[in-house]
């Protein structure tokens, strides 16, 4: 496959022609915030956090292929403003406390919050009245906690490629991940749990012990 040379934040990068800007950046240790991207899945652009300035235009880096001579800026005033708005909306609807999170260590959301330096006071003003939603424990292999979920859709995309046991239900602030059909649809591959960036999906104790 042919290669192209581009510039990301002043650094000359050589990448294969079909590579996305995000993949090229990550391969060269250049961080671009992202929640819904996974290297083994088709890019969805749902989180809208990976936006960059490419040749003067704002684009989603997970969906935009590199081009010869392309000049990319991962940060500028407009990008920072748009990213901050996107992450503030996500966090405003993410009621779960980090202290009680079953995830191991800092999650992708915490990393992005620190990178963008969001205004926590503004987030508190934007936050909807807190509602502790019940866990979905109907699956025999893992639990789903909507209070931790940021609707990145990685679990649904992952499952769609394997078995199709997960889908999205509801609209707006009532949107959640749900099991499709009966539990027999799930093969217990646990890929959805492994790829969840925020600890919304967790293995049941029996799976964690014997999986």
Protein backbone atom coordinates (compact mmCIF):
# COMPACT_ATOMS: atom_id res chain seq x y z
CA UNK A 1 0.00 0.00 0.00
CA UNK A 2 1.31 3.47 -0.88
CA UNK A 3 2.35 5.90 1.83
CA UNK A 4 1.82 9.62 2.29
CA UNK A 5 3.57 12.28 4.33
CA UNK A 6 1.57 14.69 6.45
CA UNK A 7 2.17 17.04 9.35
CA UNK A 8 0.45 16.66 12.73
CA UNK A 9 1.13 19.41 15.23
CA UNK A 10 4.30 20.34 13.37
CA UNK A 11 5.63 16.77 13.29
CA UNK A 12 6.20 15.09 9.91
CA UNK A 13 4.41 11.74 9.80
CA UNK A 14 4.56 8.93 7.25
CA UNK A 15 1.42 6.78 7.11
CA UNK A 16 -0.30 4.36 4.78
CA UNK A 17 -2.73 6.13 2.46
CA UNK A 18 -5.93 4.54 3.83
CA UNK A 19 -5.01 5.23 7.47
CA UNK A 20 -7.22 7.65 9.39
CA UNK A 21 -5.78 10.78 10.98
CA UNK A 22 -6.56 9.38 14.44
CA UNK A 23 -4.77 6.09 13.79
CA UNK A 24 -1.75 7.88 12.31
CA UNK A 25 -1.58 10.18 15.33
CA UNK A 26 -1.89 7.38 17.89
CA UNK A 27 0.71 5.29 16.05
CA UNK A 28 3.11 8.20 16.51
CA UNK A 29 2.31 8.83 20.19
CA UNK A 30 0.23 11.93 19.45
CA UNK A 31 -2.83 11.91 21.70
CA UNK A 32 -6.23 12.88 20.32
CA UNK A 33 -9.16 12.48 22.76
CA UNK A 34 -11.59 9.71 21.80
CA UNK A 35 -14.20 7.52 23.49
CA UNK A 36 -16.08 5.68 20.75
CA UNK A 37 -13.05 4.58 18.71
CA UNK A 38 -11.64 1.05 18.80
CA UNK A 39 -9.00 -0.14 16.30
CA UNK A 40 -10.94 -3.32 15.51
CA UNK A 41 -14.25 -1.56 14.81
CA UNK A 42 -15.56 0.67 12.05
CA UNK A 43 -15.30 4.32 13.18
CA UNK A 44 -18.62 5.83 14.23
CA UNK A 45 -17.74 9.38 15.30
CA UNK A 46 -20.46 9.24 17.96
CA UNK A 47 -18.52 10.93 20.76
CA UNK A 48 -17.27 13.80 18.54
CA UNK A 49 -14.20 14.22 20.73
CA UNK A 50 -11.59 13.31 18.12
CA UNK A 51 -12.23 16.37 15.95
CA UNK A 52 -9.15 18.08 14.54
CA UNK A 53 -8.32 20.87 12.10
CA UNK A 54 -7.18 19.32 8.81
CA UNK A 55 -6.16 21.79 6.11
CA UNK A 56 -8.36 24.45 7.70
CA UNK A 57 -11.48 22.30 8.16
CA UNK A 58 -12.87 20.69 11.31
CA UNK A 59 -13.15 16.93 10.72
CA UNK A 60 -13.57 13.76 12.76
CA UNK A 61 -10.09 12.25 12.84
CA UNK A 62 -11.46 8.71 13.30
CA UNK A 63 -13.27 8.93 9.95
CA UNK A 64 -10.94 11.07 7.85
CA UNK A 65 -8.13 9.39 5.89
CA UNK A 66 -4.70 10.98 5.71
CA UNK A 67 -3.62 12.70 2.49
CA UNK A 68 -0.34 13.76 0.97
CA UNK A 69 0.80 17.11 2.37
CA UNK A 70 -2.10 17.34 4.82
CA UNK A 71 -1.55 19.71 7.74
CA UNK A 72 -3.33 18.68 10.94
CA UNK A 73 -3.70 20.57 14.19
CA UNK A 74 -5.06 18.58 17.11
CA UNK A 75 -5.67 21.71 19.18
CA UNK A 76 -6.76 25.26 18.40
CA UNK A 77 -9.31 27.62 20.02
CA UNK A 78 -12.24 26.37 17.92
CA UNK A 79 -11.38 22.68 18.40
CA UNK A 80 -10.91 23.21 22.13
CA UNK A 81 -14.32 24.91 22.40
CA UNK A 82 -16.14 22.20 20.44
CA UNK A 83 -14.45 19.39 22.36
CA UNK A 84 -15.18 21.02 25.69
CA UNK A 85 -18.87 21.31 24.81
CA UNK A 86 -19.01 17.64 23.77
CA UNK A 87 -17.29 16.33 26.90
CA UNK A 88 -19.31 18.58 29.22
CA UNK A 89 -22.54 17.15 27.79
CA UNK A 90 -21.22 13.61 28.29
CA UNK A 91 -20.12 14.27 31.85
CA UNK A 92 -23.33 16.13 32.71
CA UNK A 93 -25.24 12.91 31.96
CA UNK A 94 -22.68 10.67 33.69
CA UNK A 95 -23.92 10.62 37.29
CA UNK A 96 -21.87 7.76 38.66
CA UNK A 97 -19.13 8.53 41.16
CA UNK A 98 -15.57 7.61 40.16
CA UNK A 99 -14.99 6.37 43.71
CA UNK A 100 -17.61 3.66 43.34
CA UNK A 101 -16.65 2.67 39.80
CA UNK A 102 -15.91 -1.05 39.34
CA UNK A 103 -13.38 -0.24 36.62
CA UNK A 104 -9.70 -0.74 37.41
CA UNK A 105 -7.82 2.55 37.57
CA UNK A 106 -8.46 5.82 35.71
CA UNK A 107 -10.79 5.34 32.74
CA UNK A 108 -10.75 6.94 29.29
CA UNK A 109 -13.32 9.53 30.40
CA UNK A 110 -11.15 10.68 33.31
CA UNK A 111 -8.14 10.97 31.01
CA UNK A 112 -10.10 13.12 28.58
CA UNK A 113 -11.50 15.32 31.35
CA UNK A 114 -7.96 15.99 32.60
CA UNK A 115 -6.66 16.64 29.08
CA UNK A 116 -9.41 19.10 28.16
CA UNK A 117 -9.54 20.62 31.65
CA UNK A 118 -13.28 20.93 31.78
CA UNK A 119 -15.01 23.48 34.00
CA UNK A 120 -16.51 21.31 36.76
CA UNK A 121 -18.70 24.17 38.00
CA UNK A 122 -20.21 24.51 34.54
CA UNK A 123 -20.81 20.76 34.42
CA UNK A 124 -22.67 20.92 37.73
CA UNK A 125 -24.89 23.66 36.30
CA UNK A 126 -25.59 21.60 33.18
CA UNK A 127 -26.21 18.38 35.07
CA UNK A 128 -29.77 17.10 35.07
CA UNK A 129 -31.41 16.10 38.36
CA UNK A 130 -29.59 12.98 39.44
CA UNK A 131 -31.47 9.75 38.95
CA UNK A 132 -29.98 6.47 40.13
CA UNK A 133 -30.94 4.07 37.37
CA UNK A 134 -31.17 0.36 38.21
CA UNK A 135 -28.49 -2.05 37.04
CA UNK A 136 -29.46 -4.53 34.36
CA UNK A 137 -28.35 -7.87 35.78
CA UNK A 138 -30.42 -10.05 33.47
CA UNK A 139 -27.45 -11.34 31.48
CA UNK A 140 -25.89 -14.44 33.09
CA UNK A 141 -22.33 -13.31 32.32
CA UNK A 142 -22.10 -9.56 32.98
CA UNK A 143 -24.00 -6.59 34.43
CA UNK A 144 -24.80 -3.25 32.79
CA UNK A 145 -24.86 -0.05 34.87
CA UNK A 146 -26.47 2.80 32.90
CA UNK A 147 -25.22 5.29 35.48
CA UNK A 148 -21.66 4.73 34.24
CA UNK A 149 -22.53 4.43 30.55
CA UNK A 150 -21.55 7.25 28.14
CA UNK A 151 -23.27 5.64 25.11
CA UNK A 152 -20.06 5.33 23.11
CA UNK A 153 -21.67 2.32 21.36
CA UNK A 154 -18.46 0.25 21.40
CA UNK A 155 -20.20 -2.69 23.11
CA UNK A 156 -23.06 -2.68 20.59
CA UNK A 157 -20.68 -2.51 17.63
CA UNK A 158 -18.51 -5.25 19.09
CA UNK A 159 -21.47 -7.52 19.70
CA UNK A 160 -22.92 -6.83 16.25
CA UNK A 161 -19.82 -8.34 14.69
CA UNK A 162 -20.05 -11.47 16.85
CA UNK A 163 -23.62 -12.30 17.82
CA UNK A 164 -25.99 -9.33 17.91
CA UNK A 165 -27.10 -9.70 21.54
CA UNK A 166 -26.88 -5.97 22.39
CA UNK A 167 -28.67 -2.95 20.97
CA UNK A 168 -29.65 0.62 21.85
CA UNK A 169 -33.10 1.48 23.22
CA UNK A 170 -34.78 4.74 24.20
CA UNK A 171 -34.22 8.30 23.05
CA UNK A 172 -32.47 11.38 24.41
CA UNK A 173 -31.56 11.17 28.09
CA UNK A 174 -33.44 7.84 28.30
CA UNK A 175 -31.12 6.10 25.85
CA UNK A 176 -29.61 2.88 27.22
CA UNK A 177 -27.92 -0.32 26.12
CA UNK A 178 -30.14 -3.41 26.30
CA UNK A 179 -30.04 -7.11 25.53
CA UNK A 180 -31.72 -8.18 22.31
CA UNK A 181 -33.87 -11.29 22.42
CA UNK A 182 -33.07 -13.90 25.05
CA UNK A 183 -29.88 -14.58 26.99
CA UNK A 184 -29.06 -17.49 24.69
CA UNK A 185 -28.01 -14.94 22.05
CA UNK A 186 -24.95 -14.07 24.16
CA UNK A 187 -21.92 -16.33 23.66
CA UNK A 188 -20.16 -15.01 26.78
CA UNK A 189 -17.13 -13.93 24.74
CA UNK A 190 -16.85 -10.92 27.12
CA UNK A 191 -15.39 -8.71 24.38
CA UNK A 192 -18.00 -6.03 25.13
CA UNK A 193 -16.87 -5.95 28.77
CA UNK A 194 -13.18 -5.84 27.86
CA UNK A 195 -13.69 -2.94 25.45
CA UNK A 196 -15.97 -0.77 27.62
CA UNK A 197 -13.97 2.43 28.30
CA UNK A 198 -15.83 3.51 31.45
CA UNK A 199 -16.71 0.44 33.53
CA UNK A 200 -20.39 0.37 32.59
CA UNK A 201 -20.16 -3.34 31.75
CA UNK A 202 -18.67 -5.60 34.40
CA UNK A 203 -18.24 -9.36 34.56
CA UNK A 204 -20.25 -11.20 37.17
CA UNK A 205 -18.14 -12.60 40.00
CA UNK A 206 -18.46 -16.14 38.67
CA UNK A 207 -17.03 -15.05 35.30
CA UNK A 208 -14.29 -12.95 36.89
CA UNK A 209 -13.23 -15.97 38.96
CA UNK A 210 -13.52 -18.70 36.36
CA UNK A 211 -13.37 -16.80 33.04
